[in-house]
Amino acid sequence: SSRWGLHKVHTLWRSAQRKAKDQELR
């Protein structure tokens, strides 16, 4: 469960970073 939660957190973090980078690049 911890691994799965950590994976979800990493995925959400990457998604947030992608959105921020996407907005910055735009």
mmCIF file of all heavy atoms, coordinates in Angstrom:
data_MODEL
# 
_entry.id   MODEL 
# 
loop_
_atom_site.group_PDB 
_atom_site.id 
_atom_site.type_symbol 
_atom_site.label_atom_id 
_atom_site.label_alt_id 
_atom_site.label_comp_id 
_atom_site.label_asym_id 
_atom_site.label_entity_id 
_atom_site.label_seq_id 
_atom_site.pdbx_PDB_ins_code 
_atom_site.Cartn_x 
_atom_site.Cartn_y 
_atom_site.Cartn_z 
_atom_site.occupancy 
_atom_site.B_iso_or_equiv 
_atom_site.pdbx_formal_charge 
_atom_site.auth_seq_id 
_atom_site.auth_comp_id 
_atom_site.auth_asym_id 
_atom_site.auth_atom_id 
_atom_site.pdbx_PDB_model_num 
ATOM 1   N N   . SER A 1 1  ? 0.837  -1.198 0.000   1.00 0.00 ? 1  SER A N   1 
ATOM 2   C CA  . SER A 1 1  ? 0.000  0.000  0.000   1.00 0.00 ? 1  SER A CA  1 
ATOM 3   C C   . SER A 1 1  ? 0.874  1.252  0.000   1.00 0.00 ? 1  SER A C   1 
ATOM 4   O O   . SER A 1 1  ? 0.587  2.220  -0.699  1.00 0.00 ? 1  SER A O   1 
ATOM 5   C CB  . SER A 1 1  ? -0.921 -0.019 1.214   1.00 0.00 ? 1  SER A CB  1 
ATOM 6   O OG  . SER A 1 1  ? -1.682 1.160  1.266   1.00 0.00 ? 1  SER A OG  1 
ATOM 7   N N   . SER A 1 2  ? 1.940  1.198  0.770   1.00 0.00 ? 2  SER A N   1 
ATOM 8   C CA  . SER A 1 2  ? 2.866  2.323  0.828   1.00 0.00 ? 2  SER A CA  1 
ATOM 9   C C   . SER A 1 2  ? 3.521  2.555  -0.533  1.00 0.00 ? 2  SER A C   1 
ATOM 10  O O   . SER A 1 2  ? 3.637  3.695  -0.993  1.00 0.00 ? 2  SER A O   1 
ATOM 11  C CB  . SER A 1 2  ? 3.923  2.068  1.881   1.00 0.00 ? 2  SER A CB  1 
ATOM 12  O OG  . SER A 1 2  ? 4.879  3.093  1.896   1.00 0.00 ? 2  SER A OG  1 
ATOM 13  N N   . ARG A 1 3  ? 3.968  1.460  -1.164  1.00 0.00 ? 3  ARG A N   1 
ATOM 14  C CA  . ARG A 1 3  ? 4.567  1.577  -2.503  1.00 0.00 ? 3  ARG A CA  1 
ATOM 15  C C   . ARG A 1 3  ? 3.561  2.158  -3.487  1.00 0.00 ? 3  ARG A C   1 
ATOM 16  O O   . ARG A 1 3  ? 3.887  3.027  -4.287  1.00 0.00 ? 3  ARG A O   1 
ATOM 17  C CB  . ARG A 1 3  ? 5.065  0.212  -2.986  1.00 0.00 ? 3  ARG A CB  1 
ATOM 18  C CG  . ARG A 1 3  ? 6.411  -0.182 -2.438  1.00 0.00 ? 3  ARG A CG  1 
ATOM 19  C CD  . ARG A 1 3  ? 7.020  -1.350 -3.199  1.00 0.00 ? 3  ARG A CD  1 
ATOM 20  N NE  . ARG A 1 3  ? 6.165  -2.530 -3.259  1.00 0.00 ? 3  ARG A NE  1 
ATOM 21  C CZ  . ARG A 1 3  ? 6.138  -3.515 -2.370  1.00 0.00 ? 3  ARG A CZ  1 
ATOM 22  N NH1 . ARG A 1 3  ? 6.917  -3.450 -1.304  1.00 0.00 ? 3  ARG A NH1 1 
ATOM 23  N NH2 . ARG A 1 3  ? 5.336  -4.547 -2.525  1.00 0.00 ? 3  ARG A NH2 1 
ATOM 24  N N   . TRP A 1 4  ? 2.327  1.652  -3.435  1.00 0.00 ? 4  TRP A N   1 
ATOM 25  C CA  . TRP A 1 4  ? 1.279  2.133  -4.343  1.00 0.00 ? 4  TRP A CA  1 
ATOM 26  C C   . TRP A 1 4  ? 0.984  3.607  -4.080  1.00 0.00 ? 4  TRP A C   1 
ATOM 27  O O   . TRP A 1 4  ? 0.871  4.406  -5.012  1.00 0.00 ? 4  TRP A O   1 
ATOM 28  C CB  . TRP A 1 4  ? 0.020  1.283  -4.193  1.00 0.00 ? 4  TRP A CB  1 
ATOM 29  C CG  . TRP A 1 4  ? -1.113 1.765  -5.021  1.00 0.00 ? 4  TRP A CG  1 
ATOM 30  C CD1 . TRP A 1 4  ? -2.277 2.275  -4.595  1.00 0.00 ? 4  TRP A CD1 1 
ATOM 31  C CD2 . TRP A 1 4  ? -1.187 1.778  -6.440  1.00 0.00 ? 4  TRP A CD2 1 
ATOM 32  N NE1 . TRP A 1 4  ? -3.075 2.615  -5.648  1.00 0.00 ? 4  TRP A NE1 1 
ATOM 33  C CE2 . TRP A 1 4  ? -2.418 2.318  -6.812  1.00 0.00 ? 4  TRP A CE2 1 
ATOM 34  C CE3 . TRP A 1 4  ? -0.311 1.389  -7.451  1.00 0.00 ? 4  TRP A CE3 1 
ATOM 35  C CZ2 . TRP A 1 4  ? -2.820 2.495  -8.120  1.00 0.00 ? 4  TRP A CZ2 1 
ATOM 36  C CZ3 . TRP A 1 4  ? -0.708 1.557  -8.767  1.00 0.00 ? 4  TRP A CZ3 1 
ATOM 37  C CH2 . TRP A 1 4  ? -1.944 2.096  -9.099  1.00 0.00 ? 4  TRP A CH2 1 
ATOM 38  N N   . GLY A 1 5  ? 0.902  3.979  -2.805  1.00 0.00 ? 5  GLY A N   1 
ATOM 39  C CA  . GLY A 1 5  ? 0.657  5.381  -2.443  1.00 0.00 ? 5  GLY A CA  1 
ATOM 40  C C   . GLY A 1 5  ? 1.803  6.273  -2.911  1.00 0.00 ? 5  GLY A C   1 
ATOM 41  O O   . GLY A 1 5  ? 1.576  7.359  -3.436  1.00 0.00 ? 5  GLY A O   1 
ATOM 42  N N   . LEU A 1 6  ? 3.033  5.801  -2.707  1.00 0.00 ? 6  LEU A N   1 
ATOM 43  C CA  . LEU A 1 6  ? 4.204  6.556  -3.146  1.00 0.00 ? 6  LEU A CA  1 
ATOM 44  C C   . LEU A 1 6  ? 4.199  6.705  -4.667  1.00 0.00 ? 6  LEU A C   1 
ATOM 45  O O   . LEU A 1 6  ? 4.498  7.789  -5.192  1.00 0.00 ? 6  LEU A O   1 
ATOM 46  C CB  . LEU A 1 6  ? 5.477  5.851  -2.674  1.00 0.00 ? 6  LEU A CB  1 
ATOM 47  C CG  . LEU A 1 6  ? 6.775  6.633  -2.799  1.00 0.00 ? 6  LEU A CG  1 
ATOM 48  C CD1 . LEU A 1 6  ? 6.696  7.915  -1.978  1.00 0.00 ? 6  LEU A CD1 1 
ATOM 49  C CD2 . LEU A 1 6  ? 7.948  5.783  -2.329  1.00 0.00 ? 6  LEU A CD2 1 
ATOM 50  N N   . HIS A 1 7  ? 3.814  5.643  -5.365  1.00 0.00 ? 7  HIS A N   1 
ATOM 51  C CA  . HIS A 1 7  ? 3.712  5.695  -6.828  1.00 0.00 ? 7  HIS A CA  1 
ATOM 52  C C   . HIS A 1 7  ? 2.678  6.741  -7.246  1.00 0.00 ? 7  HIS A C   1 
ATOM 53  O O   . HIS A 1 7  ? 2.916  7.537  -8.160  1.00 0.00 ? 7  HIS A O   1 
ATOM 54  C CB  . HIS A 1 7  ? 3.348  4.308  -7.379  1.00 0.00 ? 7  HIS A CB  1 
ATOM 55  C CG  . HIS A 1 7  ? 3.099  4.297  -8.846  1.00 0.00 ? 7  HIS A CG  1 
ATOM 56  N ND1 . HIS A 1 7  ? 4.105  4.432  -9.766  1.00 0.00 ? 7  HIS A ND1 1 
ATOM 57  C CD2 . HIS A 1 7  ? 1.936  4.186  -9.551  1.00 0.00 ? 7  HIS A CD2 1 
ATOM 58  C CE1 . HIS A 1 7  ? 3.582  4.413  -10.981 1.00 0.00 ? 7  HIS A CE1 1 
ATOM 59  N NE2 . HIS A 1 7  ? 2.263  4.261  -10.868 1.00 0.00 ? 7  HIS A NE2 1 
ATOM 60  N N   . LYS A 1 8  ? 1.520  6.739  -6.543  1.00 0.00 ? 8  LYS A N   1 
ATOM 61  C CA  . LYS A 1 8  ? 0.476  7.717  -6.852  1.00 0.00 ? 8  LYS A CA  1 
ATOM 62  C C   . LYS A 1 8  ? 0.964  9.134  -6.582  1.00 0.00 ? 8  LYS A C   1 
ATOM 63  O O   . LYS A 1 8  ? 0.736  10.046 -7.382  1.00 0.00 ? 8  LYS A O   1 
ATOM 64  C CB  . LYS A 1 8  ? -0.792 7.432  -6.031  1.00 0.00 ? 8  LYS A CB  1 
ATOM 65  C CG  . LYS A 1 8  ? -1.628 6.293  -6.557  1.00 0.00 ? 8  LYS A CG  1 
ATOM 66  C CD  . LYS A 1 8  ? -2.779 5.996  -5.628  1.00 0.00 ? 8  LYS A CD  1 
ATOM 67  C CE  . LYS A 1 8  ? -3.996 6.790  -6.019  1.00 0.00 ? 8  LYS A CE  1 
ATOM 68  N NZ  . LYS A 1 8  ? -5.190 6.411  -5.228  1.00 0.00 ? 8  LYS A NZ  1 
ATOM 69  N N   . VAL A 1 9  ? 1.676  9.316  -5.475  1.00 0.00 ? 9  VAL A N   1 
ATOM 70  C CA  . VAL A 1 9  ? 2.199  10.639 -5.139  1.00 0.00 ? 9  VAL A CA  1 
ATOM 71  C C   . VAL A 1 9  ? 3.191  11.095 -6.208  1.00 0.00 ? 9  VAL A C   1 
ATOM 72  O O   . VAL A 1 9  ? 3.145  12.235 -6.669  1.00 0.00 ? 9  VAL A O   1 
ATOM 73  C CB  . VAL A 1 9  ? 2.854  10.633 -3.732  1.00 0.00 ? 9  VAL A CB  1 
ATOM 74  C CG1 . VAL A 1 9  ? 3.676  11.885 -3.493  1.00 0.00 ? 9  VAL A CG1 1 
ATOM 75  C CG2 . VAL A 1 9  ? 1.787  10.496 -2.664  1.00 0.00 ? 9  VAL A CG2 1 
ATOM 76  N N   . HIS A 1 10 ? 4.097  10.182 -6.600  1.00 0.00 ? 10 HIS A N   1 
ATOM 77  C CA  . HIS A 1 10 ? 5.071  10.520 -7.655  1.00 0.00 ? 10 HIS A CA  1 
ATOM 78  C C   . HIS A 1 10 ? 4.359  10.871 -8.952  1.00 0.00 ? 10 HIS A C   1 
ATOM 79  O O   . HIS A 1 10 ? 4.730  11.829 -9.637  1.00 0.00 ? 10 HIS A O   1 
ATOM 80  C CB  . HIS A 1 10 ? 6.055  9.372  -7.888  1.00 0.00 ? 10 HIS A CB  1 
ATOM 81  C CG  . HIS A 1 10 ? 7.136  9.276  -6.862  1.00 0.00 ? 10 HIS A CG  1 
ATOM 82  N ND1 . HIS A 1 10 ? 7.993  10.303 -6.577  1.00 0.00 ? 10 HIS A ND1 1 
ATOM 83  C CD2 . HIS A 1 10 ? 7.486  8.268  -6.036  1.00 0.00 ? 10 HIS A CD2 1 
ATOM 84  C CE1 . HIS A 1 10 ? 8.823  9.939  -5.633  1.00 0.00 ? 10 HIS A CE1 1 
ATOM 85  N NE2 . HIS A 1 10 ? 8.536  8.698  -5.280  1.00 0.00 ? 10 HIS A NE2 1 
ATOM 86  N N   . THR A 1 11 ? 3.337  10.089 -9.297  1.00 0.00 ? 11 THR A N   1 
ATOM 87  C CA  . THR A 1 11 ? 2.594  10.343 -10.532 1.00 0.00 ? 11 THR A CA  1 
ATOM 88  C C   . THR A 1 11 ? 1.910  11.705 -10.480 1.00 0.00 ? 11 THR A C   1 
ATOM 89  O O   . THR A 1 11 ? 1.987  12.478 -11.436 1.00 0.00 ? 11 THR A O   1 
ATOM 90  C CB  . THR A 1 11 ? 1.541  9.237  -10.758 1.00 0.00 ? 11 THR A CB  1 
ATOM 91  O OG1 . THR A 1 11 ? 2.204  7.974  -10.797 1.00 0.00 ? 11 THR A OG1 1 
ATOM 92  C CG2 . THR A 1 11 ? 0.781  9.452  -12.038 1.00 0.00 ? 11 THR A CG2 1 
ATOM 93  N N   . LEU A 1 12 ? 1.267  12.002 -9.358  1.00 0.00 ? 12 LEU A N   1 
ATOM 94  C CA  . LEU A 1 12 ? 0.597  13.301 -9.219  1.00 0.00 ? 12 LEU A CA  1 
ATOM 95  C C   . LEU A 1 12 ? 1.610  14.445 -9.238  1.00 0.00 ? 12 LEU A C   1 
ATOM 96  O O   . LEU A 1 12 ? 1.367  15.491 -9.830  1.00 0.00 ? 12 LEU A O   1 
ATOM 97  C CB  . LEU A 1 12 ? -0.228 13.341 -7.932  1.00 0.00 ? 12 LEU A CB  1 
ATOM 98  C CG  . LEU A 1 12 ? -1.477 12.455 -7.924  1.00 0.00 ? 12 LEU A CG  1 
ATOM 99  C CD1 . LEU A 1 12 ? -2.110 12.439 -6.538  1.00 0.00 ? 12 LEU A CD1 1 
ATOM 100 C CD2 . LEU A 1 12 ? -2.484 12.942 -8.960  1.00 0.00 ? 12 LEU A CD2 1 
ATOM 101 N N   . TRP A 1 13 ? 2.757  14.233 -8.585  1.00 0.00 ? 13 TRP A N   1 
ATOM 102 C CA  . TRP A 1 13 ? 3.800  15.256 -8.572  1.00 0.00 ? 13 TRP A CA  1 
ATOM 103 C C   . TRP A 1 13 ? 4.318  15.522 -9.976  1.00 0.00 ? 13 TRP A C   1 
ATOM 104 O O   . TRP A 1 13 ? 4.476  16.669 -10.392 1.00 0.00 ? 13 TRP A O   1 
ATOM 105 C CB  . TRP A 1 13 ? 4.925  14.820 -7.639  1.00 0.00 ? 13 TRP A CB  1 
ATOM 106 C CG  . TRP A 1 13 ? 6.111  15.757 -7.635  1.00 0.00 ? 13 TRP A CG  1 
ATOM 107 C CD1 . TRP A 1 13 ? 7.345  15.510 -8.088  1.00 0.00 ? 13 TRP A CD1 1 
ATOM 108 C CD2 . TRP A 1 13 ? 6.134  17.100 -7.149  1.00 0.00 ? 13 TRP A CD2 1 
ATOM 109 N NE1 . TRP A 1 13 ? 8.153  16.594 -7.928  1.00 0.00 ? 13 TRP A NE1 1 
ATOM 110 C CE2 . TRP A 1 13 ? 7.424  17.599 -7.359  1.00 0.00 ? 13 TRP A CE2 1 
ATOM 111 C CE3 . TRP A 1 13 ? 5.181  17.936 -6.576  1.00 0.00 ? 13 TRP A CE3 1 
ATOM 112 C CZ2 . TRP A 1 13 ? 7.807  18.886 -7.007  1.00 0.00 ? 13 TRP A CZ2 1 
ATOM 113 C CZ3 . TRP A 1 13 ? 5.570  19.220 -6.227  1.00 0.00 ? 13 TRP A CZ3 1 
ATOM 114 C CH2 . TRP A 1 13 ? 6.861  19.685 -6.439  1.00 0.00 ? 13 TRP A CH2 1 
ATOM 115 N N   . ARG A 1 14 ? 4.584  14.447 -10.716 1.00 0.00 ? 14 ARG A N   1 
ATOM 116 C CA  . ARG A 1 14 ? 5.049  14.604 -12.098 1.00 0.00 ? 14 ARG A CA  1 
ATOM 117 C C   . ARG A 1 14 ? 4.001  15.317 -12.942 1.00 0.00 ? 14 ARG A C   1 
ATOM 118 O O   . ARG A 1 14 ? 4.324  16.164 -13.775 1.00 0.00 ? 14 ARG A O   1 
ATOM 119 C CB  . ARG A 1 14 ? 5.378  13.244 -12.705 1.00 0.00 ? 14 ARG A CB  1 
ATOM 120 C CG  . ARG A 1 14 ? 6.670  12.669 -12.214 1.00 0.00 ? 14 ARG A CG  1 
ATOM 121 C CD  . ARG A 1 14 ? 7.032  11.398 -12.982 1.00 0.00 ? 14 ARG A CD  1 
ATOM 122 N NE  . ARG A 1 14 ? 8.029  10.649 -12.258 1.00 0.00 ? 14 ARG A NE  1 
ATOM 123 C CZ  . ARG A 1 14 ? 7.864  9.415  -11.799 1.00 0.00 ? 14 ARG A CZ  1 
ATOM 124 N NH1 . ARG A 1 14 ? 6.739  8.775  -12.015 1.00 0.00 ? 14 ARG A NH1 1 
ATOM 125 N NH2 . ARG A 1 14 ? 8.821  8.809  -11.145 1.00 0.00 ? 14 ARG A NH2 1 
ATOM 126 N N   . SER A 1 15 ? 2.745  14.943 -12.728 1.00 0.00 ? 15 SER A N   1 
ATOM 127 C CA  . SER A 1 15 ? 1.657  15.586 -13.464 1.00 0.00 ? 15 SER A CA  1 
ATOM 128 C C   . SER A 1 15 ? 1.607  17.080 -13.154 1.00 0.00 ? 15 SER A C   1 
ATOM 129 O O   . SER A 1 15 ? 1.467  17.907 -14.061 1.00 0.00 ? 15 SER A O   1 
ATOM 130 C CB  . SER A 1 15 ? 0.327  14.928 -13.100 1.00 0.00 ? 15 SER A CB  1 
ATOM 131 O OG  . SER A 1 15 ? -0.745 15.573 -13.739 1.00 0.00 ? 15 SER A OG  1 
ATOM 132 N N   . ALA A 1 16 ? 1.753  17.426 -11.887 1.00 0.00 ? 16 ALA A N   1 
ATOM 133 C CA  . ALA A 1 16 ? 1.744  18.844 -11.496 1.00 0.00 ? 16 ALA A CA  1 
ATOM 134 C C   . ALA A 1 16 ? 2.939  19.570 -12.110 1.00 0.00 ? 16 ALA A C   1 
ATOM 135 O O   . ALA A 1 16 ? 2.808  20.694 -12.615 1.00 0.00 ? 16 ALA A O   1 
ATOM 136 C CB  . ALA A 1 16 ? 1.765  18.966 -9.977  1.00 0.00 ? 16 ALA A CB  1 
ATOM 137 N N   . GLN A 1 17 ? 4.101  18.915 -12.094 1.00 0.00 ? 17 GLN A N   1 
ATOM 138 C CA  . GLN A 1 17 ? 5.283  19.523 -12.701 1.00 0.00 ? 17 GLN A CA  1 
ATOM 139 C C   . GLN A 1 17 ? 5.099  19.701 -14.200 1.00 0.00 ? 17 GLN A C   1 
ATOM 140 O O   . GLN A 1 17 ? 5.491  20.719 -14.764 1.00 0.00 ? 17 GLN A O   1 
ATOM 141 C CB  . GLN A 1 17 ? 6.525  18.663 -12.422 1.00 0.00 ? 17 GLN A CB  1 
ATOM 142 C CG  . GLN A 1 17 ? 7.047  18.800 -11.018 1.00 0.00 ? 17 GLN A CG  1 
ATOM 143 C CD  . GLN A 1 17 ? 8.292  17.964 -10.799 1.00 0.00 ? 17 GLN A CD  1 
ATOM 144 O OE1 . GLN A 1 17 ? 8.422  16.861 -11.324 1.00 0.00 ? 17 GLN A OE1 1 
ATOM 145 N NE2 . GLN A 1 17 ? 9.211  18.494 -10.011 1.00 0.00 ? 17 GLN A NE2 1 
ATOM 146 N N   . ARG A 1 18 ? 4.511  18.695 -14.848 1.00 0.00 ? 18 ARG A N   1 
ATOM 147 C CA  . ARG A 1 18 ? 4.264  18.794 -16.293 1.00 0.00 ? 18 ARG A CA  1 
ATOM 148 C C   . ARG A 1 18 ? 3.333  19.965 -16.608 1.00 0.00 ? 18 ARG A C   1 
ATOM 149 O O   . ARG A 1 18 ? 3.554  20.712 -17.553 1.00 0.00 ? 18 ARG A O   1 
ATOM 150 C CB  . ARG A 1 18 ? 3.657  17.500 -16.823 1.00 0.00 ? 18 ARG A CB  1 
ATOM 151 C CG  . ARG A 1 18 ? 4.655  16.426 -17.096 1.00 0.00 ? 18 ARG A CG  1 
ATOM 152 C CD  . ARG A 1 18 ? 4.025  15.245 -17.843 1.00 0.00 ? 18 ARG A CD  1 
ATOM 153 N NE  . ARG A 1 18 ? 4.812  14.063 -17.616 1.00 0.00 ? 18 ARG A NE  1 
ATOM 154 C CZ  . ARG A 1 18 ? 4.427  13.031 -16.883 1.00 0.00 ? 18 ARG A CZ  1 
ATOM 155 N NH1 . ARG A 1 18 ? 3.243  13.013 -16.328 1.00 0.00 ? 18 ARG A NH1 1 
ATOM 156 N NH2 . ARG A 1 18 ? 5.223  11.996 -16.708 1.00 0.00 ? 18 ARG A NH2 1 
ATOM 157 N N   . LYS A 1 19 ? 2.264  20.090 -15.801 1.00 0.00 ? 19 LYS A N   1 
ATOM 158 C CA  . LYS A 1 19 ? 1.323  21.197 -16.023 1.00 0.00 ? 19 LYS A CA  1 
ATOM 159 C C   . LYS A 1 19 ? 2.018  22.535 -15.852 1.00 0.00 ? 19 LYS A C   1 
ATOM 160 O O   . LYS A 1 19 ? 1.822  23.456 -16.648 1.00 0.00 ? 19 LYS A O   1 
ATOM 161 C CB  . LYS A 1 19 ? 0.138  21.092 -15.055 1.00 0.00 ? 19 LYS A CB  1 
ATOM 162 C CG  . LYS A 1 19 ? -0.857 20.031 -15.440 1.00 0.00 ? 19 LYS A CG  1 
ATOM 163 C CD  . LYS A 1 19 ? -2.016 19.980 -14.453 1.00 0.00 ? 19 LYS A CD  1 
ATOM 164 C CE  . LYS A 1 19 ? -2.968 18.848 -14.801 1.00 0.00 ? 19 LYS A CE  1 
ATOM 165 N NZ  . LYS A 1 19 ? -4.048 18.721 -13.818 1.00 0.00 ? 19 LYS A NZ  1 
ATOM 166 N N   . ALA A 1 20 ? 2.833  22.641 -14.810 1.00 0.00 ? 20 ALA A N   1 
ATOM 167 C CA  . ALA A 1 20 ? 3.546  23.903 -14.558 1.00 0.00 ? 20 ALA A CA  1 
ATOM 168 C C   . ALA A 1 20 ? 4.513  24.201 -15.707 1.00 0.00 ? 20 ALA A C   1 
ATOM 169 O O   . ALA A 1 20 ? 4.572  25.329 -16.209 1.00 0.00 ? 20 ALA A O   1 
ATOM 170 C CB  . ALA A 1 20 ? 4.301  23.835 -13.234 1.00 0.00 ? 20 ALA A CB  1 
ATOM 171 N N   . LYS A 1 21 ? 5.248  23.176 -16.141 1.00 0.00 ? 21 LYS A N   1 
ATOM 172 C CA  . LYS A 1 21 ? 6.203  23.360 -17.238 1.00 0.00 ? 21 LYS A CA  1 
ATOM 173 C C   . LYS A 1 21 ? 5.462  23.676 -18.524 1.00 0.00 ? 21 LYS A C   1 
ATOM 174 O O   . LYS A 1 21 ? 5.903  24.519 -19.311 1.00 0.00 ? 21 LYS A O   1 
ATOM 175 C CB  . LYS A 1 21 ? 7.056  22.090 -17.396 1.00 0.00 ? 21 LYS A CB  1 
ATOM 176 C CG  . LYS A 1 21 ? 8.233  22.265 -18.317 1.00 0.00 ? 21 LYS A CG  1 
ATOM 177 C CD  . LYS A 1 21 ? 9.224  23.248 -17.732 1.00 0.00 ? 21 LYS A CD  1 
ATOM 178 C CE  . LYS A 1 21 ? 10.466 23.307 -18.584 1.00 0.00 ? 21 LYS A CE  1 
ATOM 179 N NZ  . LYS A 1 21 ? 11.417 24.281 -18.086 1.00 0.00 ? 21 LYS A NZ  1 
ATOM 180 N N   . ASP A 1 22 ? 4.330  23.013 -18.756 1.00 0.00 ? 22 ASP A N   1 
ATOM 181 C CA  . ASP A 1 22 ? 3.513  23.263 -19.937 1.00 0.00 ? 22 ASP A CA  1 
ATOM 182 C C   . ASP A 1 22 ? 3.069  24.722 -19.962 1.00 0.00 ? 22 ASP A C   1 
ATOM 183 O O   . ASP A 1 22 ? 3.188  25.404 -20.977 1.00 0.00 ? 22 ASP A O   1 
ATOM 184 C CB  . ASP A 1 22 ? 2.297  22.329 -19.931 1.00 0.00 ? 22 ASP A CB  1 
ATOM 185 C CG  . ASP A 1 22 ? 1.390  22.562 -21.115 1.00 0.00 ? 22 ASP A CG  1 
ATOM 186 O OD1 . ASP A 1 22 ? 1.828  22.326 -22.258 1.00 0.00 ? 22 ASP A OD1 1 
ATOM 187 O OD2 . ASP A 1 22 ? 0.239  22.979 -20.890 1.00 0.00 ? 22 ASP A OD2 1 
ATOM 188 N N   . GLN A 1 23 ? 2.576  25.209 -18.819 1.00 0.00 ? 23 GLN A N   1 
ATOM 189 C CA  . GLN A 1 23 ? 2.114  26.591 -18.733 1.00 0.00 ? 23 GLN A CA  1 
ATOM 190 C C   . GLN A 1 23 ? 3.287  27.553 -18.956 1.00 0.00 ? 23 GLN A C   1 
ATOM 191 O O   . GLN A 1 23 ? 3.162  28.531 -19.692 1.00 0.00 ? 23 GLN A O   1 
ATOM 192 C CB  . GLN A 1 23 ? 1.478  26.840 -17.371 1.00 0.00 ? 23 GLN A CB  1 
ATOM 193 C CG  . GLN A 1 23 ? 0.827  28.195 -17.237 1.00 0.00 ? 23 GLN A CG  1 
ATOM 194 C CD  . GLN A 1 23 ? 0.127  28.356 -15.892 1.00 0.00 ? 23 GLN A CD  1 
ATOM 195 O OE1 . GLN A 1 23 ? 0.227  27.486 -15.026 1.00 0.00 ? 23 GLN A OE1 1 
ATOM 196 N NE2 . GLN A 1 23 ? -0.549 29.454 -15.717 1.00 0.00 ? 23 GLN A NE2 1 
ATOM 197 N N   . GLU A 1 24 ? 4.423  27.244 -18.361 1.00 0.00 ? 24 GLU A N   1 
ATOM 198 C CA  . GLU A 1 24 ? 5.607  28.090 -18.515 1.00 0.00 ? 24 GLU A CA  1 
ATOM 199 C C   . GLU A 1 24 ? 6.047  28.144 -19.972 1.00 0.00 ? 24 GLU A C   1 
ATOM 200 O O   . GLU A 1 24 ? 6.336  29.218 -20.514 1.00 0.00 ? 24 GLU A O   1 
ATOM 201 C CB  . GLU A 1 24 ? 6.734  27.526 -17.641 1.00 0.00 ? 24 GLU A CB  1 
ATOM 202 C CG  . GLU A 1 24 ? 8.025  28.310 -17.694 1.00 0.00 ? 24 GLU A CG  1 
ATOM 203 C CD  . GLU A 1 24 ? 9.112  27.644 -16.865 1.00 0.00 ? 24 GLU A CD  1 
ATOM 204 O OE1 . GLU A 1 24 ? 8.801  27.028 -15.830 1.00 0.00 ? 24 GLU A OE1 1 
ATOM 205 O OE2 . GLU A 1 24 ? 10.280 27.746 -17.268 1.00 0.00 ? 24 GLU A OE2 1 
ATOM 206 N N   . LEU A 1 25 ? 6.078  26.981 -20.629 1.00 0.00 ? 25 LEU A N   1 
ATOM 207 C CA  . LEU A 1 25 ? 6.487  26.933 -22.038 1.00 0.00 ? 25 LEU A CA  1 
ATOM 208 C C   . LEU A 1 25 ? 5.490  27.669 -22.928 1.00 0.00 ? 25 LEU A C   1 
ATOM 209 O O   . LEU A 1 25 ? 5.881  28.360 -23.867 1.00 0.00 ? 25 LEU A O   1 
ATOM 210 C CB  . LEU A 1 25 ? 6.648  25.478 -22.491 1.00 0.00 ? 25 LEU A CB  1 
ATOM 211 C CG  . LEU A 1 25 ? 7.857  24.748 -21.913 1.00 0.00 ? 25 LEU A CG  1 
ATOM 212 C CD1 . LEU A 1 25 ? 7.830  23.280 -22.310 1.00 0.00 ? 25 LEU A CD1 1 
ATOM 213 C CD2 . LEU A 1 25 ? 9.149  25.393 -22.357 1.00 0.00 ? 25 LEU A CD2 1 
ATOM 214 N N   . ARG A 1 26 ? 4.208  27.522 -22.626 1.00 0.00 ? 26 ARG A N   1 
ATOM 215 C CA  . ARG A 1 26 ? 3.196  28.240 -23.415 1.00 0.00 ? 26 ARG A CA  1 
ATOM 216 C C   . ARG A 1 26 ? 3.365  29.754 -23.272 1.00 0.00 ? 26 ARG A C   1 
ATOM 217 O O   . ARG A 1 26 ? 3.233  30.493 -24.247 1.00 0.00 ? 26 ARG A O   1 
ATOM 218 C CB  . ARG A 1 26 ? 1.791  27.806 -23.013 1.00 0.00 ? 26 ARG A CB  1 
ATOM 219 C CG  . ARG A 1 26 ? 1.444  26.412 -23.496 1.00 0.00 ? 26 ARG A CG  1 
ATOM 220 C CD  . ARG A 1 26 ? 0.009  26.022 -23.157 1.00 0.00 ? 26 ARG A CD  1 
ATOM 221 N NE  . ARG A 1 26 ? -0.228 24.627 -23.438 1.00 0.00 ? 26 ARG A NE  1 
ATOM 222 C CZ  . ARG A 1 26 ? -0.534 24.144 -24.625 1.00 0.00 ? 26 ARG A CZ  1 
ATOM 223 N NH1 . ARG A 1 26 ? -0.655 24.943 -25.645 1.00 0.00 ? 26 ARG A NH1 1 
ATOM 224 N NH2 . ARG A 1 26 ? -0.736 22.847 -24.798 1.00 0.00 ? 26 ARG A NH2 1 
# 
